[in-house]
C-alpha atoms as a PDB file:
ATOM      1  CA  MET A   1      16.860  46.395  20.399  1.00  0.00           C
ATOM      2  CA  ALA A   2      16.763  42.924  21.899  1.00  0.00           C
ATOM      3  CA  ASP A   3      16.440  44.385  25.372  1.00  0.00           C
ATOM      4  CA  THR A   4      13.568  46.562  24.202  1.00  0.00           C
ATOM      5  CA  ILE A   5      11.710  43.603  22.672  1.00  0.00           C
ATOM      6  CA  LEU A   6      12.267  41.467  25.765  1.00  0.00           C
ATOM      7  CA  ALA A   7      11.082  44.284  28.013  1.00  0.00           C
ATOM      8  CA  SER A   8       7.952  44.703  25.903  1.00  0.00           C
ATOM      9  CA  LEU A   9       7.152  41.023  26.103  1.00  0.00           C
ATOM     10  CA  MET A  10       7.814  40.907  29.813  1.00  0.00           C
ATOM     11  CA  GLY A  11       5.496  43.822  30.260  1.00  0.00           C
ATOM     12  CA  GLU A  12       2.677  41.749  28.780  1.00  0.00           C
ATOM     13  CA  ASN A  13       3.478  38.745  30.986  1.00  0.00           C
ATOM     14  CA  VAL A  14       5.537  36.423  28.800  1.00  0.00           C
ATOM     15  CA  LEU A  15       4.182  33.310  30.522  1.00  0.00           C
ATOM     16  CA  THR A  16       0.633  34.190  29.533  1.00  0.00           C
ATOM     17  CA  VAL A  17       1.774  34.450  25.917  1.00  0.00           C
ATOM     18  CA  ALA A  18       4.031  31.399  25.866  1.00  0.00           C
ATOM     19  CA  ILE A  19       2.093  28.781  27.862  1.00  0.00           C
ATOM     20  CA  PRO A  20      -0.758  28.159  25.334  1.00  0.00           C
ATOM     21  CA  VAL A  21       1.767  27.912  22.491  1.00  0.00           C
ATOM     22  CA  ILE A  22       3.905  25.466  24.472  1.00  0.00           C
ATOM     23  CA  LEU A  23       0.831  23.403  25.365  1.00  0.00           C
ATOM     24  CA  LEU A  24      -0.205  23.256  21.706  1.00  0.00           C
ATOM     25  CA  ALA A  25       3.259  22.048  20.676  1.00  0.00           C
ATOM     26  CA  LEU A  26       3.291  19.429  23.457  1.00  0.00           C
ATOM     27  CA  TRP A  27      -0.170  18.207  22.460  1.00  0.00           C
ATOM     28  CA  ALA A  28       0.957  17.808  18.848  1.00  0.00           C
ATOM     29  CA  LEU A  29       3.830  15.610  20.053  1.00  0.00           C
ATOM     30  CA  VAL A  30       1.873  13.601  22.628  1.00  0.00           C
ATOM     31  CA  ALA A  31      -1.016  12.899  20.221  1.00  0.00           C
ATOM     32  CA  ARG A  32       1.451  11.062  17.957  1.00  0.00           C
ATOM     33  CA  LEU A  33       2.267   8.462  20.602  1.00  0.00           C
ATOM     34  CA  ARG A  34       0.965   5.027  19.688  1.00  0.00           C
ATOM     35  CA  ILE A  35      -0.619   4.488  23.109  1.00  0.00           C
ATOM     36  CA  LEU A  36      -2.685   7.660  22.960  1.00  0.00           C
ATOM     37  CA  ARG A  37      -3.574   7.406  19.278  1.00  0.00           C
ATOM     38  CA  GLY A  38      -5.771   4.388  19.949  1.00  0.00           C
ATOM     39  CA  VAL A  39      -7.522   6.075  22.860  1.00  0.00           C
ATOM     40  CA  LEU A  40      -7.997   9.410  21.111  1.00  0.00           C
ATOM     41  CA  GLY A  41      -9.236   7.650  17.988  1.00  0.00           C
ATOM     42  CA  LYS A  42     -12.260   6.401  19.943  1.00  0.00           C
ATOM     43  CA  TYR A  43     -13.298   9.950  20.891  1.00  0.00           C
ATOM     44  CA  PRO A  44     -12.842  12.130  17.786  1.00  0.00           C
ATOM     45  CA  PHE A  45     -14.997  15.012  19.058  1.00  0.00           C
ATOM     46  CA  THR A  46     -13.174  15.162  22.405  1.00  0.00           C
ATOM     47  CA  ARG A  47      -9.833  15.332  20.625  1.00  0.00           C
ATOM     48  CA  ALA A  48     -11.178  17.979  18.233  1.00  0.00           C
ATOM     49  CA  ILE A  49     -12.486  20.177  21.089  1.00  0.00           C
ATOM     50  CA  ILE A  50      -9.128  19.995  22.911  1.00  0.00           C
ATOM     51  CA  GLU A  51      -7.239  20.935  19.754  1.00  0.00           C
ATOM     52  CA  ILE A  52      -9.659  23.761  18.930  1.00  0.00           C
ATOM     53  CA  ALA A  53      -9.299  25.229  22.440  1.00  0.00           C
ATOM     54  CA  LEU A  54      -5.507  25.068  22.203  1.00  0.00           C
ATOM     55  CA  VAL A  55      -5.486  26.578  18.697  1.00  0.00           C
ATOM     56  CA  LEU A  56      -7.765  29.466  19.714  1.00  0.00           C
ATOM     57  CA  ALA A  57      -5.724  30.211  22.859  1.00  0.00           C
ATOM     58  CA  GLY A  58      -2.431  29.831  21.003  1.00  0.00           C
ATOM     59  CA  GLY A  59      -3.694  31.997  18.149  1.00  0.00           C
ATOM     60  CA  TRP A  60      -4.676  34.780  20.503  1.00  0.00           C
ATOM     61  CA  CYS A  61      -1.292  34.642  22.202  1.00  0.00           C
ATOM     62  CA  LEU A  62       0.640  34.578  18.906  1.00  0.00           C
ATOM     63  CA  GLY A  63      -1.375  37.525  17.657  1.00  0.00           C
ATOM     64  CA  THR A  64      -0.668  39.427  20.861  1.00  0.00           C
ATOM     65  CA  ALA A  65       3.056  38.686  20.585  1.00  0.00           C
ATOM     66  CA  ALA A  66       3.041  39.765  16.927  1.00  0.00           C
ATOM     67  CA  GLU A  67       1.339  43.035  17.871  1.00  0.00           C
ATOM     68  CA  ILE A  68       3.971  43.691  20.538  1.00  0.00           C
ATOM     69  CA  LEU A  69       6.839  42.963  18.152  1.00  0.00           C
ATOM     70  CA  ARG A  70       5.310  45.153  15.463  1.00  0.00           C
ATOM     71  CA  ASP A  71       4.868  48.080  17.831  1.00  0.00           C
ATOM     72  CA  THR A  72       8.425  47.656  19.093  1.00  0.00           C
ATOM     73  CA  LEU A  73      10.175  47.232  15.742  1.00  0.00           C
ATOM     74  CA  LEU A  74       8.235  49.794  13.721  1.00  0.00           C
ATOM     75  CA  SER A  75       8.813  53.370  14.721  1.00  0.00           C
ATOM     76  CA  ASP A  76       6.167  54.813  12.417  1.00  0.00           C
ATOM     77  CA  GLN A  77       2.780  53.666  13.700  1.00  0.00           C
ATOM     78  CA  THR A  78       0.654  56.145  11.724  1.00  0.00           C
ATOM     79  CA  HIS A  79      -0.679  53.483   9.386  1.00  0.00           C
ATOM     80  CA  ALA A  80      -0.763  50.615  11.858  1.00  0.00           C
ATOM     81  CA  ARG A  81      -4.137  49.225  12.853  1.00  0.00           C
ATOM     82  CA  PRO A  82      -4.336  48.189  16.498  1.00  0.00           C
ATOM     83  CA  GLY A  83      -5.337  44.588  16.929  1.00  0.00           C
ATOM     84  CA  MET A  84      -5.138  43.789  13.197  1.00  0.00           C
ATOM     85  CA  LEU A  85      -2.696  40.886  13.602  1.00  0.00           C
ATOM     86  CA  ILE A  86      -4.745  39.433  16.440  1.00  0.00           C
ATOM     87  CA  ARG A  87      -7.868  39.571  14.277  1.00  0.00           C
ATOM     88  CA  LEU A  88      -6.047  37.902  11.372  1.00  0.00           C
ATOM     89  CA  VAL A  89      -4.789  35.041  13.526  1.00  0.00           C
ATOM     90  CA  MET A  90      -8.208  34.578  15.141  1.00  0.00           C
ATOM     91  CA  TYR A  91      -9.983  34.518  11.770  1.00  0.00           C
ATOM     92  CA  LEU A  92      -7.633  31.732  10.661  1.00  0.00           C
ATOM     93  CA  ALA A  93      -8.018  29.929  14.013  1.00  0.00           C
ATOM     94  CA  VAL A  94     -11.808  29.976  13.724  1.00  0.00           C
ATOM     95  CA  SER A  95     -11.568  28.703  10.135  1.00  0.00           C
ATOM     96  CA  PHE A  96      -9.325  25.882  11.341  1.00  0.00           C
ATOM     97  CA  SER A  97     -11.825  25.088  14.109  1.00  0.00           C
ATOM     98  CA  ILE A  98     -14.678  24.722  11.622  1.00  0.00           C
ATOM     99  CA  ALA A  99     -12.610  22.388   9.436  1.00  0.00           C
ATOM    100  CA  ARG A 100     -11.551  20.373  12.500  1.00  0.00           C
ATOM    101  CA  LEU A 101     -15.166  19.850  13.590  1.00  0.00           C
ATOM    102  CA  VAL A 102     -16.139  18.687  10.091  1.00  0.00           C
ATOM    103  CA  GLU A 103     -13.213  16.243  10.099  1.00  0.00           C
ATOM    104  CA  ALA A 104     -14.224  14.932  13.531  1.00  0.00           C
ATOM    105  CA  ALA A 105     -17.786  14.383  12.295  1.00  0.00           C
ATOM    106  CA  ALA A 106     -16.485  12.407   9.309  1.00  0.00           C
ATOM    107  CA  VAL A 107     -14.244  10.263  11.543  1.00  0.00           C
ATOM    108  CA  SER A 108     -17.148   9.607  13.915  1.00  0.00           C
ATOM    109  CA  ARG A 109     -19.393   8.522  11.027  1.00  0.00           C
ATOM    110  CA  GLU A 110     -16.656   6.179   9.802  1.00  0.00           C
ATOM    111  CA  ARG A 111     -16.282   4.595  13.238  1.00  0.00           C
ATOM    112  CA  HIS A 112     -20.025   3.901  13.362  1.00  0.00           C
ATOM    113  CA  GLY A 113     -20.025   2.414   9.843  1.00  0.00           C
ATOM    114  CA  ARG A 114     -22.016   5.264   8.272  1.00  0.00           C
ATOM    115  CA  GLY A 115     -19.297   6.653   6.056  1.00  0.00           C
ATOM    116  CA  ASP A 116     -15.858   6.131   4.549  1.00  0.00           C
ATOM    117  CA  GLY A 117     -14.044   8.923   6.360  1.00  0.00           C
ATOM    118  CA  LEU A 118     -11.831  11.465   4.613  1.00  0.00           C
ATOM    119  CA  SER A 119      -8.956  10.790   2.261  1.00  0.00           C
ATOM    120  CA  ARG A 120      -5.816  12.907   2.326  1.00  0.00           C
ATOM    121  CA  LEU A 121      -7.153  14.914  -0.591  1.00  0.00           C
ATOM    122  CA  SER A 122     -10.446  15.521   1.199  1.00  0.00           C
ATOM    123  CA  ARG A 123      -8.644  16.734   4.330  1.00  0.00           C
ATOM    124  CA  THR A 124      -6.335  18.995   2.325  1.00  0.00           C
ATOM    125  CA  PHE A 125      -9.266  20.391   0.356  1.00  0.00           C
ATOM    126  CA  LEU A 126     -11.351  20.918   3.512  1.00  0.00           C
ATOM    127  CA  TYR A 127      -8.671  22.800   5.438  1.00  0.00           C
ATOM    128  CA  GLY A 128      -7.552  24.741   2.371  1.00  0.00           C
ATOM    129  CA  VAL A 129     -11.055  25.955   1.571  1.00  0.00           C
ATOM    130  CA  CYS A 130     -11.791  26.918   5.193  1.00  0.00           C
ATOM    131  CA  LEU A 131      -8.514  28.803   5.677  1.00  0.00           C
ATOM    132  CA  LEU A 132      -8.881  30.589   2.332  1.00  0.00           C
ATOM    133  CA  ALA A 133     -12.441  31.548   3.221  1.00  0.00           C
ATOM    134  CA  GLY A 134     -11.271  32.887   6.594  1.00  0.00           C
ATOM    135  CA  LEU A 135      -8.540  34.925   4.892  1.00  0.00           C
ATOM    136  CA  LEU A 136     -10.963  36.413   2.351  1.00  0.00           C
ATOM    137  CA  VAL A 137     -13.485  37.246   5.092  1.00  0.00           C
ATOM    138  CA  PHE A 138     -10.699  38.979   7.009  1.00  0.00           C
ATOM    139  CA  PHE A 139      -9.755  41.048   3.944  1.00  0.00           C
ATOM    140  CA  ALA A 140     -13.369  42.022   3.330  1.00  0.00           C
ATOM    141  CA  ALA A 141     -14.087  42.863   6.968  1.00  0.00           C
ATOM    142  CA  ASN A 142     -10.974  45.014   7.365  1.00  0.00           C
ATOM    143  CA  ASP A 143     -11.157  46.846   4.004  1.00  0.00           C
ATOM    144  CA  PHE A 144      -8.121  45.625   2.062  1.00  0.00           C
ATOM    145  CA  PRO A 145      -9.199  46.165  -1.588  1.00  0.00           C
ATOM    146  CA  ARG A 146      -5.674  46.418  -2.991  1.00  0.00           C
ATOM    147  CA  LEU A 147      -4.504  43.304  -1.234  1.00  0.00           C
ATOM    148  CA  THR A 148      -7.571  41.440  -2.503  1.00  0.00           C
ATOM    149  CA  VAL A 149      -6.721  42.437  -6.091  1.00  0.00           C
ATOM    150  CA  VAL A 150      -3.081  41.368  -5.634  1.00  0.00           C
ATOM    151  CA  VAL A 151      -4.094  38.013  -4.203  1.00  0.00           C
ATOM    152  CA  GLY A 152      -6.592  37.495  -7.039  1.00  0.00           C
ATOM    153  CA  GLY A 153      -3.988  38.334  -9.707  1.00  0.00           C
ATOM    154  CA  PHE A 154      -1.427  36.034  -8.122  1.00  0.00           C
ATOM    155  CA  ALA A 155      -4.013  33.241  -7.966  1.00  0.00           C
ATOM    156  CA  ALA A 156      -4.811  33.712 -11.679  1.00  0.00           C
ATOM    157  CA  VAL A 157      -1.131  33.501 -12.688  1.00  0.00           C
ATOM    158  CA  LEU A 158      -0.599  30.472 -10.460  1.00  0.00           C
ATOM    159  CA  ALA A 159      -3.687  28.753 -11.875  1.00  0.00           C
ATOM    160  CA  PHE A 160      -2.420  29.224 -15.450  1.00  0.00           C
ATOM    161  CA  ALA A 161       1.028  27.880 -14.593  1.00  0.00           C
ATOM    162  CA  LEU A 162      -0.386  24.832 -12.782  1.00  0.00           C
ATOM    163  CA  ARG A 163      -3.412  24.197 -14.982  1.00  0.00           C
ATOM    164  CA  GLN A 164      -2.731  20.455 -15.421  1.00  0.00           C
ATOM    165  CA  THR A 165      -2.112  19.998 -11.718  1.00  0.00           C
ATOM    166  CA  LEU A 166      -5.232  22.004 -10.912  1.00  0.00           C
ATOM    167  CA  THR A 167      -7.191  19.796 -13.308  1.00  0.00           C
ATOM    168  CA  ASP A 168      -6.130  16.774 -11.251  1.00  0.00           C
ATOM    169  CA  VAL A 169      -6.964  18.604  -8.022  1.00  0.00           C
ATOM    170  CA  VAL A 170     -10.439  19.626  -9.217  1.00  0.00           C
ATOM    171  CA  ALA A 171     -11.120  16.122 -10.545  1.00  0.00           C
ATOM    172  CA  GLY A 172      -9.994  14.631  -7.239  1.00  0.00           C
ATOM    173  CA  ALA A 173     -12.166  17.067  -5.289  1.00  0.00           C
ATOM    174  CA  ALA A 174     -15.174  16.190  -7.450  1.00  0.00           C
ATOM    175  CA  MET A 175     -14.564  12.475  -6.898  1.00  0.00           C
ATOM    176  CA  SER A 176     -14.207  13.053  -3.151  1.00  0.00           C
ATOM    177  CA  ILE A 177     -17.585  14.798  -3.102  1.00  0.00           C
ATOM    178  CA  GLU A 178     -19.395  12.346  -5.390  1.00  0.00           C
ATOM    179  CA  HIS A 179     -17.701   9.246  -3.884  1.00  0.00           C
ATOM    180  CA  PRO A 180     -17.915   7.010  -6.986  1.00  0.00           C
ATOM    181  CA  CYS A 181     -15.301   4.825  -5.323  1.00  0.00           C
ATOM    182  CA  LYS A 182     -14.059   4.787  -1.766  1.00  0.00           C
ATOM    183  CA  ARG A 183     -11.033   3.484   0.038  1.00  0.00           C
ATOM    184  CA  ARG A 184     -10.812  -0.320   0.116  1.00  0.00           C
ATOM    185  CA  ASP A 185     -13.091  -0.589  -2.933  1.00  0.00           C
ATOM    186  CA  TRP A 186     -12.042  -2.859  -5.775  1.00  0.00           C
ATOM    187  CA  VAL A 187     -12.310  -1.234  -9.197  1.00  0.00           C
ATOM    188  CA  MET A 188     -11.828  -2.364 -12.770  1.00  0.00           C
ATOM    189  CA  LEU A 189     -10.329   0.183 -15.165  1.00  0.00           C
ATOM    190  CA  GLU A 190     -11.137   0.441 -18.853  1.00  0.00           C
ATOM    191  CA  ASP A 191      -8.019  -1.546 -19.777  1.00  0.00           C
ATOM    192  CA  GLY A 192      -9.199  -4.440 -17.572  1.00  0.00           C
ATOM    193  CA  THR A 193      -6.850  -3.724 -14.657  1.00  0.00           C
ATOM    194  CA  VAL A 194      -8.366  -4.731 -11.313  1.00  0.00           C
ATOM    195  CA  ALA A 195      -7.015  -2.956  -8.226  1.00  0.00           C
ATOM    196  CA  GLN A 196      -8.019  -1.761  -4.772  1.00  0.00           C
ATOM    197  CA  VAL A 197      -8.327   1.934  -3.932  1.00  0.00           C
ATOM    198  CA  VAL A 198      -5.809   2.730  -1.187  1.00  0.00           C
ATOM    199  CA  ASP A 199      -6.007   6.514  -0.969  1.00  0.00           C
ATOM    200  CA  MET A 200      -6.523   9.690  -2.974  1.00  0.00           C
ATOM    201  CA  ASP A 201      -4.274  12.721  -2.658  1.00  0.00           C
ATOM    202  CA  TRP A 202      -4.316  16.123  -4.353  1.00  0.00           C
ATOM    203  CA  ARG A 203      -2.833  14.823  -7.627  1.00  0.00           C
ATOM    204  CA  ALA A 204      -3.478  11.113  -8.076  1.00  0.00           C
ATOM    205  CA  THR A 205      -5.388   8.093  -6.794  1.00  0.00           C
ATOM    206  CA  HIS A 206      -3.321   5.312  -5.215  1.00  0.00           C
ATOM    207  CA  LEU A 207      -4.302   1.808  -6.356  1.00  0.00           C
ATOM    208  CA  ARG A 208      -2.947  -1.541  -5.139  1.00  0.00           C
ATOM    209  CA  GLY A 209      -2.764  -4.370  -7.669  1.00  0.00           C
ATOM    210  CA  TRP A 210      -2.823  -8.127  -7.136  1.00  0.00           C
ATOM    211  CA  ASP A 211       0.971  -8.110  -6.784  1.00  0.00           C
ATOM    212  CA  ARG A 212       0.622  -5.677  -3.830  1.00  0.00           C
ATOM    213  CA  ALA A 213       2.412  -2.980  -5.819  1.00  0.00           C
ATOM    214  CA  ILE A 214       1.036   0.562  -5.609  1.00  0.00           C
ATOM    215  CA  PHE A 215       0.503   2.474  -8.834  1.00  0.00           C
ATOM    216  CA  LEU A 216      -0.760   6.015  -9.255  1.00  0.00           C
ATOM    217  CA  VAL A 217      -3.456   7.156 -11.670  1.00  0.00           C
ATOM    218  CA  PRO A 218      -3.872  10.944 -12.157  1.00  0.00           C
ATOM    219  CA  ASN A 219      -7.262  12.058 -10.875  1.00  0.00           C
ATOM    220  CA  ALA A 220      -8.237  13.681 -14.174  1.00  0.00           C
ATOM    221  CA  GLN A 221      -7.410  10.477 -16.070  1.00  0.00           C
ATOM    222  CA  LEU A 222      -9.352   8.357 -13.584  1.00  0.00           C
ATOM    223  CA  ALA A 223     -12.379  10.666 -13.670  1.00  0.00           C
ATOM    224  CA  GLY A 224     -12.375  10.663 -17.480  1.00  0.00           C
ATOM    225  CA  GLN A 225     -12.746   6.914 -17.928  1.00  0.00           C
ATOM    226  CA  ARG A 226     -15.476   4.416 -17.237  1.00  0.00           C
ATOM    227  CA  LEU A 227     -14.927   2.660 -13.927  1.00  0.00           C
ATOM    228  CA  ARG A 228     -16.458  -0.600 -12.819  1.00  0.00           C
ATOM    229  CA  ILE A 229     -16.897  -0.601  -9.047  1.00  0.00           C
ATOM    230  CA  LEU A 230     -16.780  -4.207  -7.893  1.00  0.00           C
ATOM    231  CA  PRO A 231     -19.107  -5.198  -5.015  1.00  0.00           C
ATOM    232  CA  LYS A 232     -17.747  -5.366  -1.461  1.00  0.00           C
ATOM    233  CA  PRO A 233     -18.557  -8.114   1.092  1.00  0.00           C
ATOM    234  CA  GLY A 234     -22.213  -7.790   1.985  1.00  0.00           C
ATOM    235  CA  GLU A 235     -23.119  -6.837  -1.597  1.00  0.00           C
ATOM    236  CA  LEU A 236     -24.235  -9.216  -4.342  1.00  0.00           C
ATOM    237  CA  TYR A 237     -21.736 -10.049  -7.058  1.00  0.00           C
ATOM    238  CA  ALA A 238     -23.247 -11.953  -9.986  1.00  0.00           C
ATOM    239  CA  ASP A 239     -21.151 -13.986 -12.399  1.00  0.00           C
ATOM    240  CA  THR A 240     -22.019 -16.012 -15.489  1.00  0.00           C
ATOM    241  CA  PHE A 241     -20.274 -19.144 -16.731  1.00  0.00           C
ATOM    242  CA  THR A 242     -20.664 -20.865 -20.066  1.00  0.00           C
ATOM    243  CA  ILE A 243     -20.528 -24.677 -20.074  1.00  0.00           C
ATOM    244  CA  LEU A 244     -20.172 -26.585 -23.346  1.00  0.00           C
ATOM    245  CA  VAL A 245     -21.688 -30.071 -23.402  1.00  0.00           C
ATOM    246  CA  SER A 246     -22.199 -32.499 -26.252  1.00  0.00           C
ATOM    247  CA  GLY A 247     -25.525 -32.218 -28.047  1.00  0.00           C
ATOM    248  CA  ASP A 248     -26.070 -35.970 -27.543  1.00  0.00           C
ATOM    249  CA  GLU A 249     -26.859 -35.438 -23.859  1.00  0.00           C
ATOM    250  CA  ASP A 250     -30.369 -34.710 -22.610  1.00  0.00           C
ATOM    251  CA  PRO A 251     -30.522 -30.932 -21.818  1.00  0.00           C
ATOM    252  CA  GLU A 252     -32.756 -31.487 -18.796  1.00  0.00           C
ATOM    253  CA  ARG A 253     -30.266 -33.944 -17.328  1.00  0.00           C
ATOM    254  CA  VAL A 254     -27.379 -31.561 -17.934  1.00  0.00           C
ATOM    255  CA  LYS A 255     -29.274 -28.690 -16.310  1.00  0.00           C
ATOM    256  CA  SER A 256     -30.130 -30.875 -13.322  1.00  0.00           C
ATOM    257  CA  LEU A 257     -26.477 -31.839 -12.830  1.00  0.00           C
ATOM    258  CA  LEU A 258     -25.350 -28.215 -13.077  1.00  0.00           C
ATOM    259  CA  GLU A 259     -27.998 -27.106 -10.608  1.00  0.00           C
ATOM    260  CA  GLU A 260     -27.021 -29.803  -8.126  1.00  0.00           C
ATOM    261  CA  ALA A 261     -23.322 -28.888  -8.437  1.00  0.00           C
ATOM    262  CA  ALA A 262     -24.135 -25.225  -7.802  1.00  0.00           C
ATOM    263  CA  ARG A 263     -26.330 -25.955  -4.782  1.00  0.00           C
ATOM    264  CA  GLN A 264     -23.567 -28.009  -3.163  1.00  0.00           C
ATOM    265  CA  CYS A 265     -21.116 -25.121  -3.477  1.00  0.00           C
ATOM    266  CA  ALA A 266     -20.789 -23.497  -0.032  1.00  0.00           C
ATOM    267  CA  ALA A 267     -19.215 -20.308  -1.451  1.00  0.00           C
ATOM    268  CA  LEU A 268     -22.313 -19.504  -3.510  1.00  0.00           C
ATOM    269  CA  LEU A 269     -25.304 -17.656  -2.117  1.00  0.00           C
ATOM    270  CA  SER A 270     -28.479 -19.697  -1.956  1.00  0.00           C
ATOM    271  CA  ARG A 271     -30.545 -16.530  -2.494  1.00  0.00           C
ATOM    272  CA  PRO A 272     -30.809 -15.570  -5.288  1.00  0.00           C
ATOM    273  CA  ALA A 273     -30.807 -19.179  -6.406  1.00  0.00           C
ATOM    274  CA  PRO A 274     -28.526 -20.319  -9.254  1.00  0.00           C
ATOM    275  CA  VAL A 275     -30.098 -20.126 -12.709  1.00  0.00           C
ATOM    276  CA  ILE A 276     -29.223 -22.549 -15.523  1.00  0.00           C
ATOM    277  CA  ARG A 277     -30.372 -22.024 -19.103  1.00  0.00           C
ATOM    278  CA  LEU A 278     -29.740 -23.784 -22.391  1.00  0.00           C
ATOM    279  CA  ALA A 279     -28.356 -20.732 -24.137  1.00  0.00           C
ATOM    280  CA  ASP A 280     -27.682 -22.129 -27.620  1.00  0.00           C
ATOM    281  CA  ALA A 281     -28.668 -25.450 -29.190  1.00  0.00           C
ATOM    282  CA  SER A 282     -28.316 -24.360 -32.802  1.00  0.00           C
ATOM    283  CA  SER A 283     -24.714 -25.566 -33.059  1.00  0.00           C
ATOM    284  CA  LEU A 284     -22.428 -28.158 -31.502  1.00  0.00           C
ATOM    285  CA  PRO A 285     -21.592 -28.379 -28.685  1.00  0.00           C
ATOM    286  CA  TYR A 286     -24.608 -27.040 -26.813  1.00  0.00           C
ATOM    287  CA  ARG A 287     -24.032 -23.930 -24.702  1.00  0.00           C
ATOM    288  CA  TYR A 288     -25.374 -23.774 -21.141  1.00  0.00           C
ATOM    289  CA  SER A 289     -25.308 -20.527 -19.131  1.00  0.00           C
ATOM    290  CA  LEU A 290     -24.956 -20.718 -15.365  1.00  0.00           C
ATOM    291  CA  TRP A 291     -25.770 -17.580 -13.300  1.00  0.00           C
ATOM    292  CA  VAL A 292     -24.590 -17.569  -9.679  1.00  0.00           C
ATOM    293  CA  HIS A 293     -24.169 -14.973  -6.918  1.00  0.00           C
ATOM    294  CA  PHE A 294     -21.326 -14.396  -4.445  1.00  0.00           C
ATOM    295  CA  ASP A 295     -20.962 -12.335  -1.292  1.00  0.00           C
ATOM    296  CA  GLY A 296     -18.805  -9.633  -2.832  1.00  0.00           C
ATOM    297  CA  TYR A 297     -16.227  -9.737  -5.582  1.00  0.00           C
ATOM    298  CA  MET A 298     -13.411 -11.298  -3.550  1.00  0.00           C
ATOM    299  CA  ALA A 299     -15.541 -14.327  -2.637  1.00  0.00           C
ATOM    300  CA  SER A 300     -15.873 -15.213  -6.310  1.00  0.00           C
ATOM    301  CA  PHE A 301     -12.319 -16.568  -6.550  1.00  0.00           C
ATOM    302  CA  ALA A 302     -12.692 -19.362  -4.019  1.00  0.00           C
ATOM    303  CA  GLY A 303     -16.302 -19.881  -5.114  1.00  0.00           C
ATOM    304  CA  ARG A 304     -15.356 -20.295  -8.764  1.00  0.00           C
ATOM    305  CA  GLU A 305     -12.813 -23.002  -7.941  1.00  0.00           C
ATOM    306  CA  GLU A 306     -15.292 -24.879  -5.756  1.00  0.00           C
ATOM    307  CA  LEU A 307     -18.024 -24.590  -8.397  1.00  0.00           C
ATOM    308  CA  PHE A 308     -15.818 -25.965 -11.182  1.00  0.00           C
ATOM    309  CA  SER A 309     -14.695 -28.840  -8.938  1.00  0.00           C
ATOM    310  CA  ASN A 310     -18.323 -29.728  -8.167  1.00  0.00           C
ATOM    311  CA  ILE A 311     -19.250 -29.605 -11.864  1.00  0.00           C
ATOM    312  CA  HIS A 312     -16.322 -31.860 -12.750  1.00  0.00           C
ATOM    313  CA  LYS A 313     -17.296 -34.341 -10.034  1.00  0.00           C
ATOM    314  CA  ALA A 314     -20.991 -34.379 -11.040  1.00  0.00           C
ATOM    315  CA  PHE A 315     -20.228 -34.835 -14.738  1.00  0.00           C
ATOM    316  CA  THR A 316     -17.621 -37.538 -14.070  1.00  0.00           C
ATOM    317  CA  GLU A 317     -20.030 -39.552 -11.936  1.00  0.00           C
ATOM    318  CA  ALA A 318     -22.722 -39.184 -14.613  1.00  0.00           C
ATOM    319  CA  GLY A 319     -20.352 -40.132 -17.435  1.00  0.00           C
ATOM    320  CA  LEU A 320     -20.523 -36.718 -19.120  1.00  0.00           C
ATOM    321  CA  GLN A 321     -17.709 -34.587 -20.419  1.00  0.00           C
ATOM    322  CA  VAL A 322     -17.342 -30.865 -20.923  1.00  0.00           C
ATOM    323  CA  THR A 323     -16.426 -30.488 -24.582  1.00  0.00           C
ATOM    324  CA  THR A 324     -14.534 -27.910 -26.565  1.00  0.00           C
ATOM    325  CA  GLU A 325     -15.686 -25.866 -29.515  1.00  0.00           C
ATOM    326  CA  VAL A 326     -16.516 -27.942 -32.583  1.00  0.00           C
ATOM    327  CA  GLN A 327     -15.304 -26.414 -35.775  1.00  0.00           C
ATOM    328  CA  ASP A 328     -16.764 -27.720 -39.001  1.00  0.00           C
ATOM    329  CA  VAL A 329     -14.198 -27.197 -41.715  1.00  0.00           C
ATOM    330  CA  ARG A 330     -15.164 -28.174 -45.249  1.00  0.00           C
ATOM    331  CA  PHE A 331     -13.026 -28.285 -48.332  1.00  0.00           C
ATOM    332  CA  GLU A 332     -14.362 -28.105 -51.847  1.00  0.00           C
ATOM    333  CA  ARG A 333     -12.361 -29.201 -54.824  1.00  0.00           C
ATOM    334  CA  LYS A 334     -12.846 -26.959 -57.780  1.00  0.00           C
ATOM    335  CA  HIS A 335     -12.685 -28.585 -61.218  1.00  0.00           C
ATOM    336  CA  SER A 336     -11.080 -26.412 -63.832  1.00  0.00           C
ATOM    337  CA  SER A 337     -12.475 -26.690 -67.344  1.00  0.00           C
ATOM    338  CA  SER A 338     -10.110 -26.333 -70.301  1.00  0.00           C
ATOM    339  CA  HIS A 339     -11.346 -24.698 -73.484  1.00  0.00           C
ATOM    340  CA  GLN A 340      -9.946 -26.046 -76.683  1.00  0.00           C
END
């Protein structure tokens, strides 16, 4: 049997069948080298075209080899369809090629600053959808009604068994399409947790906290809560501070000192200009609201420290003090009357 198979392959020129497959395997290994990854990363479409050409050639050769093996191993060829395996492999190869071009377009947009690229979930979803579509088109084009029903029934059973996982997958796919948050964005969850989006896979979103630890949030849970997307560098981040000052001080003087302290803060944006308002003078101490703007959320940390230092310096030089809440506690003595 082995001699028969080898003779069949040799009859079809084994080098013609093997060379594209070997080249594809070598390319997969060479593309992982650190030296070439940087070069290939600059030309995503060139890399995609090379890989598509190798996949199409390798697919044709694998299909041809599969046809030869089938004809050799199966004695009854009454129900065999000539070229069916080649068509199947080529349908899948073309589907892969479409997905690869879409991925290359996304990478190119990311390199030119017009997009955020594709997460692992987006890549998995893209290739999965394209390959499944190619498989279904192959079934429809080659008249496989029974196989289509079997595949559909198996998919229904699998969907019921993995309904929670599929919920996370669908939620992650919806978030990948809508892009409410992207990689490297800082987000605030409903419980007040602030973290940076690292990646999103088929089940969960990877977030990095302030302690540099990575924690996972299921996609369905993340999509079901209210997220606060914090501004990135280049976007305005507004913050409000409440300053308590004694009611004995002139409000205009206090506002002038606060404005001067804010204008001397290099971490604050000069446009929009800081806004100071006397928010509440109906109780002691008086409440002053200070609105300022930063270049993104991360700039607010250094800016807040500098702003508070400037306010402390301005108030100290002017002889003012930031006060604490004044609580007016009153006691009343009740006189009990005795009835005789």
